[in-house]
Amino acid sequence: MGFPNADRKEYDRYLEAQQSDASFVETVKLEITTAVSEALKNNKEEIAESALIEGAPADFVAKITGLSIEEVRGIAERLGMNK
């Protein structure tokens, strides 16, 4: 038993389209996740910059932003500060 050739070809095309659509959706999800992660990190870095400029200590900035102390020190260095 089985599919007639024409039906089988149509079914195979349908499966390929479904797989292609699923692959596209996964790619878009990954791109969105990456973009959101980058935006959140940029926001944390902007907050860190503002806090450092206002005189907040690096350890406090790390605590409130969730950035590592090394990242905060790197931002301070980039701003020309020695925190």
Protein backbone atom coordinates (compact mmCIF):
# COMPACT_ATOMS: atom_id res chain seq x y z
CA MET A 1 0.00 0.00 0.00
CA GLY A 2 1.38 3.53 0.07
CA PHE A 3 0.95 6.79 -1.68
CA PRO A 4 0.59 7.12 -5.43
CA ASN A 5 3.69 8.88 -6.82
CA ALA A 6 1.96 12.24 -7.31
CA ASP A 7 0.57 12.21 -3.78
CA ARG A 8 3.92 11.14 -2.35
CA LYS A 9 5.71 14.00 -4.11
CA GLU A 10 3.15 16.47 -2.85
CA TYR A 11 3.48 15.07 0.67
CA ASP A 12 7.29 15.28 0.49
CA ARG A 13 7.06 18.93 -0.65
CA TYR A 14 4.69 19.61 2.24
CA LEU A 15 7.12 18.06 4.75
CA GLU A 16 10.04 20.03 3.31
CA ALA A 17 8.03 23.26 3.62
CA GLN A 18 7.13 22.43 7.22
CA GLN A 19 10.78 21.73 8.08
CA SER A 20 11.87 24.91 6.36
CA ASP A 21 9.25 26.93 8.27
CA ALA A 22 10.31 25.36 11.57
CA SER A 23 13.96 26.12 10.84
CA PHE A 24 13.10 29.71 9.99
CA VAL A 25 11.14 30.12 13.23
CA GLU A 26 14.06 28.75 15.28
CA THR A 27 16.45 31.12 13.52
CA VAL A 28 14.20 34.10 14.23
CA LYS A 29 13.84 33.06 17.89
CA LEU A 30 17.62 32.88 18.23
CA GLU A 31 18.07 36.28 16.59
CA ILE A 32 15.45 37.86 18.86
CA THR A 33 16.97 36.29 21.97
CA THR A 34 20.40 37.55 20.97
CA ALA A 35 19.10 41.06 20.26
CA VAL A 36 17.26 41.24 23.58
CA SER A 37 20.32 39.98 25.48
CA GLU A 38 22.51 42.59 23.80
CA ALA A 39 20.00 45.35 24.55
CA LEU A 40 19.81 44.36 28.21
CA LYS A 41 23.60 44.28 28.49
CA ASN A 42 23.85 47.70 26.83
CA ASN A 43 21.27 49.04 29.26
CA LYS A 44 23.25 47.68 32.21
CA GLU A 45 26.40 49.27 30.84
CA GLU A 46 24.63 52.63 30.43
CA ILE A 47 23.39 52.44 34.02
CA ALA A 48 26.91 51.56 35.16
CA GLU A 49 28.34 54.53 33.29
CA SER A 50 25.82 56.90 34.84
CA ALA A 51 26.39 55.52 38.33
CA LEU A 52 30.17 55.74 37.99
CA ILE A 53 29.94 59.31 36.69
CA GLU A 54 27.82 60.16 39.75
CA GLY A 55 30.57 58.76 41.97
CA ALA A 56 29.18 55.34 42.89
CA PRO A 57 31.86 52.79 43.88
CA ALA A 58 32.60 50.02 41.38
CA ASP A 59 31.50 47.24 43.76
CA PHE A 60 28.13 48.96 44.29
CA VAL A 61 27.70 49.46 40.53
CA ALA A 62 28.46 45.78 39.95
CA LYS A 63 25.89 44.82 42.57
CA ILE A 64 23.06 46.97 41.18
CA THR A 65 23.68 46.15 37.50
CA GLY A 66 24.62 42.49 37.74
CA LEU A 67 27.79 43.19 35.78
CA SER A 68 31.01 41.66 37.00
CA ILE A 69 33.42 43.87 38.90
CA GLU A 70 35.84 43.43 35.98
CA GLU A 71 33.23 44.71 33.53
CA VAL A 72 32.52 47.71 35.76
CA ARG A 73 36.23 48.45 36.08
CA GLY A 74 36.54 48.23 32.31
CA ILE A 75 33.73 50.76 31.93
CA ALA A 76 35.37 53.04 34.50
CA GLU A 77 38.66 52.78 32.64
CA ARG A 78 36.93 53.57 29.35
CA LEU A 79 35.47 56.65 31.03
CA GLY A 80 38.93 57.64 32.23
CA MET A 81 38.17 56.90 35.87
CA ASN A 82 40.13 54.88 38.38
CA LYS A 83 37.40 53.17 40.40
